[in-house]
Protein backbone atom coordinates (compact mmCIF):
# COMPACT_ATOMS: atom_id res chain seq x y z
CA MET A 1 -1.99 -36.08 -0.84
CA TYR A 2 0.41 -33.37 0.26
CA ASN A 3 1.09 -32.76 3.88
CA ARG A 4 1.40 -29.29 5.36
CA LYS A 5 5.20 -29.30 5.46
CA ASN A 6 5.55 -30.11 1.77
CA LYS A 7 3.00 -27.42 0.82
CA LYS A 8 4.92 -24.85 2.87
CA GLU A 9 8.21 -25.89 1.26
CA ALA A 10 6.68 -25.61 -2.22
CA LEU A 11 5.32 -22.15 -1.38
CA THR A 12 8.75 -21.06 -0.16
CA ARG A 13 10.44 -22.38 -3.32
CA ARG A 14 7.98 -20.55 -5.58
CA HIS A 15 8.35 -17.37 -3.56
CA SER A 16 12.15 -17.40 -3.74
CA ARG A 17 12.07 -18.11 -7.48
CA VAL A 18 9.91 -15.06 -8.11
CA ARG A 19 11.88 -12.88 -5.72
CA GLU A 20 15.09 -13.47 -7.69
CA HIS A 21 13.66 -11.16 -10.37
CA ILE A 22 11.41 -8.78 -8.38
CA CYS A 23 12.60 -6.25 -5.82
CA GLY A 24 10.69 -3.32 -4.36
CA THR A 25 12.31 0.02 -3.59
CA THR A 26 11.24 3.01 -1.54
CA GLU A 27 10.00 4.85 -4.66
CA ARG A 28 8.39 1.76 -6.24
CA PRO A 29 7.51 -0.83 -3.58
CA ARG A 30 6.56 -4.44 -4.20
CA LEU A 31 2.84 -5.26 -4.06
CA ALA A 32 2.38 -8.70 -2.51
CA VAL A 33 -1.10 -10.23 -2.56
CA HIS A 34 -1.96 -13.42 -0.70
CA ARG A 35 -5.30 -15.14 -1.15
CA SER A 36 -6.42 -17.92 1.16
CA LEU A 37 -9.68 -19.80 0.87
CA ALA A 38 -11.45 -17.35 3.17
CA HIS A 39 -9.48 -14.06 3.09
CA ILE A 40 -7.32 -11.75 0.97
CA TYR A 41 -4.24 -9.88 2.18
CA ALA A 42 -2.30 -7.15 0.33
CA GLN A 43 0.78 -5.18 1.30
CA LEU A 44 3.35 -2.81 -0.15
CA ILE A 45 6.87 -3.84 0.82
CA ASP A 46 10.15 -1.91 0.65
CA ASP A 47 12.75 -4.64 0.16
CA THR A 48 15.74 -2.34 0.73
CA THR A 49 14.74 -1.83 4.37
CA GLY A 50 12.50 -4.89 4.75
CA THR A 51 9.48 -2.92 5.94
CA THR A 52 5.80 -3.03 5.11
CA LEU A 53 4.64 0.41 4.01
CA VAL A 54 0.89 -0.13 3.46
CA HIS A 55 -1.29 -3.12 4.23
CA ALA A 56 -4.92 -4.19 4.06
CA SER A 57 -6.77 -7.44 4.63
CA SER A 58 -10.29 -8.75 4.43
CA THR A 59 -10.13 -9.58 8.15
CA GLU A 60 -10.22 -5.89 9.15
CA LYS A 61 -13.33 -4.84 11.03
CA GLY A 62 -13.69 -1.40 9.42
CA LEU A 63 -14.30 -2.69 5.89
CA GLY A 64 -17.68 -4.22 6.73
CA LEU A 65 -17.17 -7.49 4.88
CA GLU A 66 -19.13 -10.69 5.27
CA TYR A 67 -17.42 -14.03 5.72
CA GLY A 68 -17.34 -15.99 2.48
CA ALA A 69 -18.06 -13.12 0.08
CA ILE A 70 -14.56 -13.25 -1.43
CA VAL A 71 -15.38 -11.48 -4.72
CA GLU A 72 -17.01 -8.57 -2.92
CA ALA A 73 -14.14 -8.59 -0.43
CA ALA A 74 -11.62 -8.27 -3.28
CA LYS A 75 -13.43 -5.22 -4.67
CA VAL A 76 -13.72 -3.47 -1.32
CA LEU A 77 -10.20 -4.41 -0.27
CA GLY A 78 -8.70 -3.20 -3.55
CA LYS A 79 -10.39 0.17 -3.23
CA ALA A 80 -9.37 0.60 0.41
CA PHE A 81 -5.81 -0.48 -0.33
CA ALA A 82 -5.50 1.91 -3.29
CA GLU A 83 -6.76 4.83 -1.20
CA ARG A 84 -4.20 4.06 1.53
CA ALA A 85 -1.36 3.75 -0.99
CA LEU A 86 -2.27 7.00 -2.76
CA ALA A 87 -2.56 8.78 0.60
CA LYS A 88 1.04 7.76 1.36
CA GLY A 89 2.16 8.98 -2.08
CA PHE A 90 2.71 5.72 -3.97
CA LYS A 91 1.71 5.92 -7.63
CA ALA A 92 3.69 2.98 -9.09
CA VAL A 93 4.37 -0.49 -7.69
CA VAL A 94 6.09 -3.72 -8.71
CA PHE A 95 3.50 -6.50 -8.73
CA ASP A 96 4.59 -9.71 -7.03
CA ARG A 97 2.26 -12.37 -8.49
């Protein structure tokens, strides 16, 4: 069985391997999606400045999601995230996993 430290190290190694080839810019930011067992998180990242431009998560109160309904949460979260990104003027992104 893996312990927490080894899982974190493996996650960091995978992340750095992908990031060697993917870089987000101001015009075309990187879309990073993280899915845990209970929640989903998405964000648009500008790697030139190291800032998060748009974010959304299933833990937000305004989305009206139930705990454990991860498929429904993905649908609602995707729609809310897309609306926020389009409102800020982003039409194209680089998908990070």
